[in-house]
Amino acid sequence: EETCRLLRELNPDVEGSSHAKPIAEIVKEDPDFISRHQ
């Protein structure tokens, strides 16, 4: 959350979000999570 907040200050045109969970747990809850990125 903290690195996301401060990175967003560099460029207001860029949207940022964060997750404070292990990646395996996130993908288990949301199988399409990775596919939403390039």
Full PDB file with SEQRES, HELIX, SHEET, SSBOND, CRYST1, ORIGX, SCALE, CONECT and MASTER records, all heavy atoms in Angstrom:
SEQRES   1 A   38  GLU GLU THR CYS ARG LEU LEU ARG GLU LEU ASN PRO ASP          
SEQRES   2 A   38  VAL GLU GLY SER SER HIS ALA LYS PRO ILE ALA GLU ILE          
SEQRES   3 A   38  VAL LYS GLU ASP PRO ASP PHE ILE SER ARG HIS GLN              
HELIX    1 AA1 GLU A    2  ARG A    8  1                                   7    
HELIX    2 AA2 ILE A   23  GLU A   29  1                                   7    
HELIX    3 AA3 ILE A   34  ARG A   36  5                                   3    
CRYST1    1.000    1.000    1.000  90.00  90.00  90.00 P 1           1          
ORIGX1      1.000000  0.000000  0.000000        0.00000                         
ORIGX2      0.000000  1.000000  0.000000        0.00000                         
ORIGX3      0.000000  0.000000  1.000000        0.00000                         
SCALE1      1.000000  0.000000  0.000000        0.00000                         
SCALE2      0.000000  1.000000  0.000000        0.00000                         
SCALE3      0.000000  0.000000  1.000000        0.00000                         
ATOM      1  N   GLU A   1       0.821  -1.210   0.000  1.00  0.00           N  
ATOM      2  CA  GLU A   1       0.000   0.000   0.000  1.00  0.00           C  
ATOM      3  C   GLU A   1       0.857   1.263   0.000  1.00  0.00           C  
ATOM      4  O   GLU A   1       0.556   2.235  -0.704  1.00  0.00           O  
ATOM      5  CB  GLU A   1      -0.930  -0.001   1.212  1.00  0.00           C  
ATOM      6  CG  GLU A   1      -2.011  -1.068   1.174  1.00  0.00           C  
ATOM      7  CD  GLU A   1      -2.900  -1.041   2.406  1.00  0.00           C  
ATOM      8  OE1 GLU A   1      -2.764  -0.081   3.202  1.00  0.00           O  
ATOM      9  OE2 GLU A   1      -3.720  -1.955   2.574  1.00  0.00           O  
ATOM     10  N   GLU A   2       1.926   1.260   0.784  1.00  0.00           N  
ATOM     11  CA  GLU A   2       2.764   2.462   0.897  1.00  0.00           C  
ATOM     12  C   GLU A   2       3.534   2.729  -0.390  1.00  0.00           C  
ATOM     13  O   GLU A   2       3.610   3.866  -0.858  1.00  0.00           O  
ATOM     14  CB  GLU A   2       3.720   2.307   2.084  1.00  0.00           C  
ATOM     15  CG  GLU A   2       3.038   2.403   3.430  1.00  0.00           C  
ATOM     16  CD  GLU A   2       2.373   3.756   3.636  1.00  0.00           C  
ATOM     17  OE1 GLU A   2       3.083   4.760   3.759  1.00  0.00           O  
ATOM     18  OE2 GLU A   2       1.120   3.807   3.634  1.00  0.00           O  
ATOM     19  N   THR A   3       4.138   1.698  -0.965  1.00  0.00           N  
ATOM     20  CA  THR A   3       4.872   1.916  -2.220  1.00  0.00           C  
ATOM     21  C   THR A   3       3.916   2.290  -3.338  1.00  0.00           C  
ATOM     22  O   THR A   3       4.248   3.129  -4.191  1.00  0.00           O  
ATOM     23  CB  THR A   3       5.677   0.661  -2.608  1.00  0.00           C  
ATOM     24  OG1 THR A   3       4.818  -0.493  -2.591  1.00  0.00           O  
ATOM     25  CG2 THR A   3       6.841   0.433  -1.668  1.00  0.00           C  
ATOM     26  N   CYS A   4       2.723   1.731  -3.332  1.00  0.00           N  
ATOM     27  CA  CYS A   4       1.722   2.085  -4.348  1.00  0.00           C  
ATOM     28  C   CYS A   4       1.344   3.558  -4.218  1.00  0.00           C  
ATOM     29  O   CYS A   4       1.299   4.290  -5.213  1.00  0.00           O  
ATOM     30  CB  CYS A   4       0.494   1.196  -4.197  1.00  0.00           C  
ATOM     31  SG  CYS A   4      -0.868   1.617  -5.304  1.00  0.00           S  
ATOM     32  N   ARG A   5       1.098   4.002  -3.008  1.00  0.00           N  
ATOM     33  CA  ARG A   5       0.696   5.398  -2.774  1.00  0.00           C  
ATOM     34  C   ARG A   5       1.760   6.377  -3.259  1.00  0.00           C  
ATOM     35  O   ARG A   5       1.448   7.368  -3.936  1.00  0.00           O  
ATOM     36  CB  ARG A   5       0.429   5.598  -1.279  1.00  0.00           C  
ATOM     37  CG  ARG A   5       0.103   7.039  -0.880  1.00  0.00           C  
ATOM     38  CD  ARG A   5      -0.221   7.148   0.597  1.00  0.00           C  
ATOM     39  NE  ARG A   5       0.906   6.790   1.443  1.00  0.00           N  
ATOM     40  CZ  ARG A   5       1.879   7.641   1.785  1.00  0.00           C  
ATOM     41  NH1 ARG A   5       1.859   8.887   1.324  1.00  0.00           N  
ATOM     42  NH2 ARG A   5       2.855   7.252   2.594  1.00  0.00           N  
ATOM     43  N   LEU A   6       3.014   6.095  -2.938  1.00  0.00           N  
ATOM     44  CA  LEU A   6       4.084   7.029  -3.292  1.00  0.00           C  
ATOM     45  C   LEU A   6       4.461   6.940  -4.771  1.00  0.00           C  
ATOM     46  O   LEU A   6       4.871   7.940  -5.366  1.00  0.00           O  
ATOM     47  CB  LEU A   6       5.300   6.768  -2.404  1.00  0.00           C  
ATOM     48  CG  LEU A   6       5.047   7.121  -0.922  1.00  0.00           C  
ATOM     49  CD1 LEU A   6       6.133   6.568  -0.023  1.00  0.00           C  
ATOM     50  CD2 LEU A   6       4.933   8.627  -0.752  1.00  0.00           C  
ATOM     51  N   LEU A   7       4.307   5.771  -5.368  1.00  0.00           N  
ATOM     52  CA  LEU A   7       4.560   5.660  -6.806  1.00  0.00           C  
ATOM     53  C   LEU A   7       3.521   6.435  -7.604  1.00  0.00           C  
ATOM     54  O   LEU A   7       3.844   7.066  -8.615  1.00  0.00           O  
ATOM     55  CB  LEU A   7       4.547   4.187  -7.236  1.00  0.00           C  
ATOM     56  CG  LEU A   7       5.823   3.387  -6.984  1.00  0.00           C  
ATOM     57  CD1 LEU A   7       5.579   1.897  -7.216  1.00  0.00           C  
ATOM     58  CD2 LEU A   7       6.961   3.866  -7.878  1.00  0.00           C  
ATOM     59  N   ARG A   8       2.283   6.422  -7.140  1.00  0.00           N  
ATOM     60  CA  ARG A   8       1.220   7.124  -7.862  1.00  0.00           C  
ATOM     61  C   ARG A   8       1.457   8.632  -7.873  1.00  0.00           C  
ATOM     62  O   ARG A   8       0.981   9.338  -8.778  1.00  0.00           O  
ATOM     63  CB  ARG A   8      -0.133   6.813  -7.239  1.00  0.00           C  
ATOM     64  CG  ARG A   8      -0.613   5.394  -7.500  1.00  0.00           C  
ATOM     65  CD  ARG A   8      -1.956   5.123  -6.852  1.00  0.00           C  
ATOM     66  NE  ARG A   8      -2.998   5.999  -7.382  1.00  0.00           N  
ATOM     67  CZ  ARG A   8      -4.236   6.029  -6.896  1.00  0.00           C  
ATOM     68  NH1 ARG A   8      -4.576   5.263  -5.880  1.00  0.00           N  
ATOM     69  NH2 ARG A   8      -5.140   6.843  -7.420  1.00  0.00           N  
ATOM     70  N   GLU A   9       2.179   9.150  -6.878  1.00  0.00           N  
ATOM     71  CA  GLU A   9       2.468  10.578  -6.836  1.00  0.00           C  
ATOM     72  C   GLU A   9       3.370  11.006  -8.000  1.00  0.00           C  
ATOM     73  O   GLU A   9       3.408  12.184  -8.360  1.00  0.00           O  
ATOM     74  CB  GLU A   9       3.133  10.946  -5.507  1.00  0.00           C  
ATOM     75  CG  GLU A   9       2.202  10.851  -4.304  1.00  0.00           C  
ATOM     76  CD  GLU A   9       2.875  11.295  -3.027  1.00  0.00           C  
ATOM     77  OE1 GLU A   9       4.047  11.707  -3.093  1.00  0.00           O  
ATOM     78  OE2 GLU A   9       2.244  11.234  -1.947  1.00  0.00           O  
ATOM     79  N   LEU A  10       4.104  10.056  -8.580  1.00  0.00           N  
ATOM     80  CA  LEU A  10       5.013  10.390  -9.683  1.00  0.00           C  
ATOM     81  C   LEU A  10       4.262  10.797 -10.945  1.00  0.00           C  
ATOM     82  O   LEU A  10       4.749  11.601 -11.734  1.00  0.00           O  
ATOM     83  CB  LEU A  10       5.917   9.195 -10.010  1.00  0.00           C  
ATOM     84  CG  LEU A  10       6.916   8.754  -8.949  1.00  0.00           C  
ATOM     85  CD1 LEU A  10       7.636   7.498  -9.416  1.00  0.00           C  
ATOM     86  CD2 LEU A  10       7.926   9.870  -8.668  1.00  0.00           C  
ATOM     87  N   ASN A  11       3.087  10.200 -11.156  1.00  0.00           N  
ATOM     88  CA  ASN A  11       2.352  10.464 -12.391  1.00  0.00           C  
ATOM     89  C   ASN A  11       0.859  10.284 -12.135  1.00  0.00           C  
ATOM     90  O   ASN A  11       0.363   9.161 -12.035  1.00  0.00           O  
ATOM     91  CB  ASN A  11       2.816   9.498 -13.495  1.00  0.00           C  
ATOM     92  CG  ASN A  11       2.320   9.900 -14.867  1.00  0.00           C  
ATOM     93  OD1 ASN A  11       1.343  10.628 -14.999  1.00  0.00           O  
ATOM     94  ND2 ASN A  11       2.994   9.415 -15.900  1.00  0.00           N  
ATOM     95  N   PRO A  12       0.117  11.375 -12.024  1.00  0.00           N  
ATOM     96  CA  PRO A  12      -1.322  11.277 -11.719  1.00  0.00           C  
ATOM     97  C   PRO A  12      -2.129  10.608 -12.816  1.00  0.00           C  
ATOM     98  O   PRO A  12      -3.289  10.235 -12.588  1.00  0.00           O  
ATOM     99  CB  PRO A  12      -1.738  12.745 -11.541  1.00  0.00           C  
ATOM    100  CG  PRO A  12      -0.698  13.546 -12.255  1.00  0.00           C  
ATOM    101  CD  PRO A  12       0.575  12.768 -12.122  1.00  0.00           C  
ATOM    102  N   ASP A  13      -1.538  10.432 -14.017  1.00  0.00           N  
ATOM    103  CA  ASP A  13      -2.262   9.771 -15.106  1.00  0.00           C  
ATOM    104  C   ASP A  13      -2.275   8.257 -14.951  1.00  0.00           C  
ATOM    105  O   ASP A  13      -2.981   7.566 -15.695  1.00  0.00           O  
ATOM    106  CB  ASP A  13      -1.624  10.118 -16.465  1.00  0.00           C  
ATOM    107  CG  ASP A  13      -1.749  11.585 -16.807  1.00  0.00           C  
ATOM    108  OD1 ASP A  13      -2.693  12.221 -16.287  1.00  0.00           O  
ATOM    109  OD2 ASP A  13      -0.915  12.106 -17.572  1.00  0.00           O  
ATOM    110  N   VAL A  14      -1.487   7.742 -14.018  1.00  0.00           N  
ATOM    111  CA  VAL A  14      -1.344   6.288 -13.865  1.00  0.00           C  
ATOM    112  C   VAL A  14      -2.171   5.811 -12.686  1.00  0.00           C  
ATOM    113  O   VAL A  14      -2.098   6.377 -11.593  1.00  0.00           O  
ATOM    114  CB  VAL A  14       0.135   5.901 -13.674  1.00  0.00           C  
ATOM    115  CG1 VAL A  14       0.271   4.394 -13.467  1.00  0.00           C  
ATOM    116  CG2 VAL A  14       0.959   6.354 -14.877  1.00  0.00           C  
ATOM    117  N   GLU A  15      -2.940   4.753 -12.901  1.00  0.00           N  
ATOM    118  CA  GLU A  15      -3.780   4.188 -11.844  1.00  0.00           C  
ATOM    119  C   GLU A  15      -3.022   3.045 -11.176  1.00  0.00           C  
ATOM    120  O   GLU A  15      -2.375   2.235 -11.846  1.00  0.00           O  
ATOM    121  CB  GLU A  15      -5.096   3.678 -12.445  1.00  0.00           C  
ATOM    122  CG  GLU A  15      -6.172   3.330 -11.429  1.00  0.00           C  
ATOM    123  CD  GLU A  15      -6.043   1.919 -10.885  1.00  0.00           C  
ATOM    124  OE1 GLU A  15      -5.582   1.028 -11.637  1.00  0.00           O  
ATOM    125  OE2 GLU A  15      -6.378   1.702  -9.707  1.00  0.00           O  
ATOM    126  N   GLY A  16      -3.074   2.977  -9.845  1.00  0.00           N  
ATOM    127  CA  GLY A  16      -2.362   1.932  -9.114  1.00  0.00           C  
ATOM    128  C   GLY A  16      -3.215   1.308  -8.030  1.00  0.00           C  
ATOM    129  O   GLY A  16      -4.068   1.973  -7.439  1.00  0.00           O  
ATOM    130  N   SER A  17      -2.969   0.027  -7.772  1.00  0.00           N  
ATOM    131  CA  SER A  17      -3.669  -0.670  -6.690  1.00  0.00           C  
ATOM    132  C   SER A  17      -2.686  -1.641  -6.037  1.00  0.00           C  
ATOM    133  O   SER A  17      -1.611  -1.906  -6.571  1.00  0.00           O  
ATOM    134  CB  SER A  17      -4.892  -1.427  -7.220  1.00  0.00           C  
ATOM    135  OG  SER A  17      -4.501  -2.425  -8.152  1.00  0.00           O  
ATOM    136  N   SER A  18      -3.052  -2.159  -4.874  1.00  0.00           N  
ATOM    137  CA  SER A  18      -2.138  -3.027  -4.135  1.00  0.00           C  
ATOM    138  C   SER A  18      -2.892  -4.127  -3.419  1.00  0.00           C  
ATOM    139  O   SER A  18      -4.095  -3.997  -3.138  1.00  0.00           O  
ATOM    140  CB  SER A  18      -1.324  -2.204  -3.132  1.00  0.00           C  
ATOM    141  OG  SER A  18      -2.197  -1.595  -2.178  1.00  0.00           O  
ATOM    142  N   HIS A  19      -2.174  -5.211  -3.121  1.00  0.00           N  
ATOM    143  CA  HIS A  19      -2.719  -6.340  -2.369  1.00  0.00           C  
ATOM    144  C   HIS A  19      -1.672  -6.786  -1.365  1.00  0.00           C  
ATOM    145  O   HIS A  19      -0.522  -7.068  -1.751  1.00  0.00           O  
ATOM    146  CB  HIS A  19      -3.065  -7.504  -3.304  1.00  0.00           C  
ATOM    147  CG  HIS A  19      -4.169  -7.210  -4.274  1.00  0.00           C  
ATOM    148  ND1 HIS A  19      -5.492  -7.430  -3.990  1.00  0.00           N  
ATOM    149  CD2 HIS A  19      -4.129  -6.668  -5.528  1.00  0.00           C  
ATOM    150  CE1 HIS A  19      -6.230  -7.065  -5.030  1.00  0.00           C  
ATOM    151  NE2 HIS A  19      -5.425  -6.607  -5.974  1.00  0.00           N  
ATOM    152  N   ALA A  20      -2.049  -6.868  -0.109  1.00  0.00           N  
ATOM    153  CA  ALA A  20      -1.113  -7.275   0.943  1.00  0.00           C  
ATOM    154  C   ALA A  20      -1.285  -8.754   1.281  1.00  0.00           C  
ATOM    155  O   ALA A  20      -1.283  -9.149   2.444  1.00  0.00           O  
ATOM    156  CB  ALA A  20      -1.305  -6.414   2.181  1.00  0.00           C  
ATOM    157  N   LYS A  21      -1.465  -9.572   0.250  1.00  0.00           N  
ATOM    158  CA  LYS A  21      -1.598 -11.025   0.421  1.00  0.00           C  
ATOM    159  C   LYS A  21      -0.575 -11.725  -0.469  1.00  0.00           C  
ATOM    160  O   LYS A  21      -0.126 -11.166  -1.468  1.00  0.00           O  
ATOM    161  CB  LYS A  21      -3.002 -11.492  -0.001  1.00  0.00           C  
ATOM    162  CG  LYS A  21      -4.155 -10.959   0.802  1.00  0.00           C  
ATOM    163  CD  LYS A  21      -5.459 -11.524   0.231  1.00  0.00           C  
ATOM    164  CE  LYS A  21      -6.679 -11.019   0.986  1.00  0.00           C  
ATOM    165  NZ  LYS A  21      -7.935 -11.570   0.391  1.00  0.00           N  
ATOM    166  N   PRO A  22      -0.214 -12.961  -0.154  1.00  0.00           N  
ATOM    167  CA  PRO A  22       0.642 -13.742  -1.054  1.00  0.00           C  
ATOM    168  C   PRO A  22      -0.058 -13.963  -2.383  1.00  0.00           C  
ATOM    169  O   PRO A  22      -1.285 -14.106  -2.439  1.00  0.00           O  
ATOM    170  CB  PRO A  22       0.847 -15.067  -0.302  1.00  0.00           C  
ATOM    171  CG  PRO A  22       0.569 -14.741   1.126  1.00  0.00           C  
ATOM    172  CD  PRO A  22      -0.488 -13.682   1.110  1.00  0.00           C  
ATOM    173  N   ILE A  23       0.701 -14.013  -3.446  1.00  0.00           N  
ATOM    174  CA  ILE A  23       0.121 -14.132  -4.789  1.00  0.00           C  
ATOM    175  C   ILE A  23      -0.671 -15.421  -4.949  1.00  0.00           C  
ATOM    176  O   ILE A  23      -1.710 -15.451  -5.613  1.00  0.00           O  
ATOM    177  CB  ILE A  23       1.230 -14.022  -5.869  1.00  0.00           C  
ATOM    178  CG1 ILE A  23       0.616 -14.031  -7.273  1.00  0.00           C  
ATOM    179  CG2 ILE A  23       2.251 -15.130  -5.717  1.00  0.00           C  
ATOM    180  CD1 ILE A  23      -0.286 -12.869  -7.568  1.00  0.00           C  
ATOM    181  N   ALA A  24      -0.205 -16.508  -4.318  1.00  0.00           N  
ATOM    182  CA  ALA A  24      -0.913 -17.784  -4.443  1.00  0.00           C  
ATOM    183  C   ALA A  24      -2.326 -17.676  -3.875  1.00  0.00           C  
ATOM    184  O   ALA A  24      -3.292 -18.229  -4.434  1.00  0.00           O  
ATOM    185  CB  ALA A  24      -0.133 -18.889  -3.728  1.00  0.00           C  
ATOM    186  N   GLU A  25      -2.469 -16.961  -2.783  1.00  0.00           N  
ATOM    187  CA  GLU A  25      -3.782 -16.784  -2.157  1.00  0.00           C  
ATOM    188  C   GLU A  25      -4.697 -15.937  -3.033  1.00  0.00           C  
ATOM    189  O   GLU A  25      -5.896 -16.217  -3.175  1.00  0.00           O  
ATOM    190  CB  GLU A  25      -3.599 -16.128  -0.786  1.00  0.00           C  
ATOM    191  CG  GLU A  25      -4.872 -16.009   0.028  1.00  0.00           C  
ATOM    192  CD  GLU A  25      -4.615 -15.412   1.402  1.00  0.00           C  
ATOM    193  OE1 GLU A  25      -3.496 -15.587   1.926  1.00  0.00           O  
ATOM    194  OE2 GLU A  25      -5.540 -14.755   1.934  1.00  0.00           O  
ATOM    195  N   ILE A  26      -4.135 -14.900  -3.651  1.00  0.00           N  
ATOM    196  CA  ILE A  26      -4.938 -14.022  -4.513  1.00  0.00           C  
ATOM    197  C   ILE A  26      -5.457 -14.785  -5.719  1.00  0.00           C  
ATOM    198  O   ILE A  26      -6.636 -14.681  -6.088  1.00  0.00           O  
ATOM    199  CB  ILE A  26      -4.091 -12.809  -4.961  1.00  0.00           C  
ATOM    200  CG1 ILE A  26      -3.738 -11.937  -3.765  1.00  0.00           C  
ATOM    201  CG2 ILE A  26      -4.839 -11.991  -6.016  1.00  0.00           C  
ATOM    202  CD1 ILE A  26      -2.754 -10.829  -4.097  1.00  0.00           C  
ATOM    203  N   VAL A  27      -4.573 -15.565  -6.361  1.00  0.00           N  
ATOM    204  CA  VAL A  27      -4.967 -16.317  -7.561  1.00  0.00           C  
ATOM    205  C   VAL A  27      -5.994 -17.390  -7.214  1.00  0.00           C  
ATOM    206  O   VAL A  27      -6.901 -17.681  -8.003  1.00  0.00           O  
ATOM    207  CB  VAL A  27      -3.726 -16.937  -8.236  1.00  0.00           C  
ATOM    208  CG1 VAL A  27      -4.126 -17.878  -9.357  1.00  0.00           C  
ATOM    209  CG2 VAL A  27      -2.810 -15.837  -8.770  1.00  0.00           C  
ATOM    210  N   LYS A  28      -5.868 -17.961  -6.020  1.00  0.00           N  
ATOM    211  CA  LYS A  28      -6.848 -18.970  -5.598  1.00  0.00           C  
ATOM    212  C   LYS A  28      -8.230 -18.351  -5.461  1.00  0.00           C  
ATOM    213  O   LYS A  28      -9.242 -18.953  -5.843  1.00  0.00           O  
ATOM    214  CB  LYS A  28      -6.406 -19.593  -4.274  1.00  0.00           C  
ATOM    215  CG  LYS A  28      -7.278 -20.759  -3.819  1.00  0.00           C  
ATOM    216  CD  LYS A  28      -6.737 -21.378  -2.540  1.00  0.00           C  
ATOM    217  CE  LYS A  28      -7.609 -22.554  -2.091  1.00  0.00           C  
ATOM    218  NZ  LYS A  28      -7.080 -23.177  -0.833  1.00  0.00           N  
ATOM    219  N   GLU A  29      -8.291 -17.125  -4.938  1.00  0.00           N  
ATOM    220  CA  GLU A  29      -9.575 -16.439  -4.773  1.00  0.00           C  
ATOM    221  C   GLU A  29     -10.096 -15.878  -6.092  1.00  0.00           C  
ATOM    222  O   GLU A  29     -11.311 -15.789  -6.299  1.00  0.00           O  
ATOM    223  CB  GLU A  29      -9.419 -15.293  -3.762  1.00  0.00           C  
ATOM    224  CG  GLU A  29      -9.076 -15.755  -2.356  1.00  0.00           C  
ATOM    225  CD  GLU A  29      -8.759 -14.589  -1.435  1.00  0.00           C  
ATOM    226  OE1 GLU A  29      -8.741 -13.432  -1.931  1.00  0.00           O  
ATOM    227  OE2 GLU A  29      -8.536 -14.813  -0.230  1.00  0.00           O  
ATOM    228  N   ASP A  30      -9.164 -15.474  -6.985  1.00  0.00           N  
ATOM    229  CA  ASP A  30      -9.547 -14.843  -8.256  1.00  0.00           C  
ATOM    230  C   ASP A  30      -8.708 -15.446  -9.379  1.00  0.00           C  
ATOM    231  O   ASP A  30      -7.644 -14.924  -9.722  1.00  0.00           O  
ATOM    232  CB  ASP A  30      -9.324 -13.331  -8.157  1.00  0.00           C  
ATOM    233  CG  ASP A  30      -9.735 -12.596  -9.427  1.00  0.00           C  
ATOM    234  OD1 ASP A  30     -10.259 -13.239 -10.353  1.00  0.00           O  
ATOM    235  OD2 ASP A  30      -9.532 -11.366  -9.498  1.00  0.00           O  
ATOM    236  N   PRO A  31      -9.157 -16.538 -10.002  1.00  0.00           N  
ATOM    237  CA  PRO A  31      -8.361 -17.230 -11.035  1.00  0.00           C  
ATOM    238  C   PRO A  31      -8.020 -16.363 -12.237  1.00  0.00           C  
ATOM    239  O   PRO A  31      -7.051 -16.645 -12.947  1.00  0.00           O  
ATOM    240  CB  PRO A  31      -9.265 -18.401 -11.440  1.00  0.00           C  
ATOM    241  CG  PRO A  31     -10.168 -18.617 -10.262  1.00  0.00           C  
ATOM    242  CD  PRO A  31     -10.408 -17.256  -9.692  1.00  0.00           C  
ATOM    243  N   ASP A  32      -8.795 -15.305 -12.498  1.00  0.00           N  
ATOM    244  CA  ASP A  32      -8.537 -14.443 -13.665  1.00  0.00           C  
ATOM    245  C   ASP A  32      -7.642 -13.252 -13.326  1.00  0.00           C  
ATOM    246  O   ASP A  32      -7.450 -12.364 -14.161  1.00  0.00           O  
ATOM    247  CB  ASP A  32      -9.867 -13.927 -14.233  1.00  0.00           C  
ATOM    248  CG  ASP A  32     -10.745 -15.059 -14.765  1.00  0.00           C  
ATOM    249  OD1 ASP A  32     -10.183 -16.044 -15.273  1.00  0.00           O  
ATOM    250  OD2 ASP A  32     -11.979 -14.938 -14.651  1.00  0.00           O  
ATOM    251  N   PHE A  33      -7.092 -13.231 -12.139  1.00  0.00           N  
ATOM    252  CA  PHE A  33      -6.326 -12.070 -11.680  1.00  0.00           C  
ATOM    253  C   PHE A  33      -5.151 -11.767 -12.606  1.00  0.00           C  
ATOM    254  O   PHE A  33      -4.954 -10.618 -13.032  1.00  0.00           O  
ATOM    255  CB  PHE A  33      -5.824 -12.325 -10.255  1.00  0.00           C  
ATOM    256  CG  PHE A  33      -4.978 -11.223  -9.691  1.00  0.00           C  
ATOM    257  CD1 PHE A  33      -5.537 -10.035  -9.269  1.00  0.00           C  
ATOM    258  CD2 PHE A  33      -3.594 -11.371  -9.588  1.00  0.00           C  
ATOM    259  CE1 PHE A  33      -4.760  -9.014  -8.758  1.00  0.00           C  
ATOM    260  CE2 PHE A  33      -2.805 -10.357  -9.078  1.00  0.00           C  
ATOM    261  CZ  PHE A  33      -3.383  -9.175  -8.660  1.00  0.00           C  
ATOM    262  N   ILE A  34      -4.362 -12.765 -12.946  1.00  0.00           N  
ATOM    263  CA  ILE A  34      -3.159 -12.540 -13.762  1.00  0.00           C  
ATOM    264  C   ILE A  34      -3.525 -12.118 -15.176  1.00  0.00           C  
ATOM    265  O   ILE A  34      -2.864 -11.249 -15.771  1.00  0.00           O  
ATOM    266  CB  ILE A  34      -2.286 -13.807 -13.774  1.00  0.00           C  
ATOM    267  CG1 ILE A  34      -1.752 -14.079 -12.370  1.00  0.00           C  
ATOM    268  CG2 ILE A  34      -1.117 -13.675 -14.763  1.00  0.00           C  
ATOM    269  CD1 ILE A  34      -1.017 -15.390 -12.216  1.00  0.00           C  
ATOM    270  N   SER A  35      -4.593 -12.682 -15.721  1.00  0.00           N  
ATOM    271  CA  SER A  35      -4.953 -12.418 -17.123  1.00  0.00           C  
ATOM    272  C   SER A  35      -5.374 -10.976 -17.367  1.00  0.00           C  
ATOM    273  O   SER A  35      -5.469 -10.549 -18.525  1.00  0.00           O  
ATOM    274  CB  SER A  35      -6.071 -13.362 -17.565  1.00  0.00           C  
ATOM    275  OG  SER A  35      -7.253 -13.135 -16.825  1.00  0.00           O  
ATOM    276  N   ARG A  36      -5.619 -10.215 -16.304  1.00  0.00           N  
ATOM    277  CA  ARG A  36      -6.018  -8.814 -16.469  1.00  0.00           C  
ATOM    278  C   ARG A  36      -4.814  -7.887 -16.611  1.00  0.00           C  
ATOM    279  O   ARG A  36      -4.971  -6.661 -16.596  1.00  0.00           O  
ATOM    280  CB  ARG A  36      -6.899  -8.374 -15.300  1.00  0.00           C  
ATOM    281  CG  ARG A  36      -8.266  -9.061 -15.276  1.00  0.00           C  
ATOM    282  CD  ARG A  36      -9.227  -8.338 -14.342  1.00  0.00           C  
ATOM    283  NE  ARG A  36      -8.873  -8.552 -12.950  1.00  0.00           N  
ATOM    284  CZ  ARG A  36      -9.311  -9.558 -12.197  1.00  0.00           C  
ATOM    285  NH1 ARG A  36     -10.088 -10.478 -12.741  1.00  0.00           N  
ATOM    286  NH2 ARG A  36      -8.961  -9.658 -10.933  1.00  0.00           N  
ATOM    287  N   HIS A  37      -3.640  -8.439 -16.744  1.00  0.00           N  
ATOM    288  CA  HIS A  37      -2.418  -7.649 -16.889  1.00  0.00           C  
ATOM    289  C   HIS A  37      -1.725  -7.973 -18.215  1.00  0.00           C  
ATOM    290  O   HIS A  37      -1.930  -9.045 -18.785  1.00  0.00           O  
ATOM    291  CB  HIS A  37      -1.476  -7.923 -15.714  1.00  0.00           C  
ATOM    292  CG  HIS A  37      -2.080  -7.584 -14.374  1.00  0.00           C  
ATOM    293  ND1 HIS A  37      -2.909  -8.458 -13.699  1.00  0.00           N  
ATOM    294  CD2 HIS A  37      -1.985  -6.468 -13.590  1.00  0.00           C  
ATOM    295  CE1 HIS A  37      -3.299  -7.907 -12.560  1.00  0.00           C  
ATOM    296  NE2 HIS A  37      -2.761  -6.698 -12.468  1.00  0.00           N  
ATOM    297  N   GLN A  38      -0.915  -7.038 -18.677  1.00  0.00           N  
ATOM    298  CA  GLN A  38      -0.191  -7.234 -19.939  1.00  0.00           C  
ATOM    299  C   GLN A  38       1.282  -7.585 -19.722  1.00  0.00           C  
ATOM    300  O   GLN A  38       1.981  -7.947 -20.655  1.00  0.00           O  
ATOM    301  CB  GLN A  38      -0.279  -5.965 -20.802  1.00  0.00           C  
ATOM    302  CG  GLN A  38      -1.624  -5.761 -21.484  1.00  0.00           C  
ATOM    303  CD  GLN A  38      -2.747  -5.467 -20.510  1.00  0.00           C  
ATOM    304  OE1 GLN A  38      -2.630  -4.563 -19.675  1.00  0.00           O  
ATOM    305  NE2 GLN A  38      -3.830  -6.218 -20.603  1.00  0.00           N  
TER     306      GLN A  38                                                      
MASTER        0    0    0    3    0    0    0    6  305    1    0    3          
END                                                                             
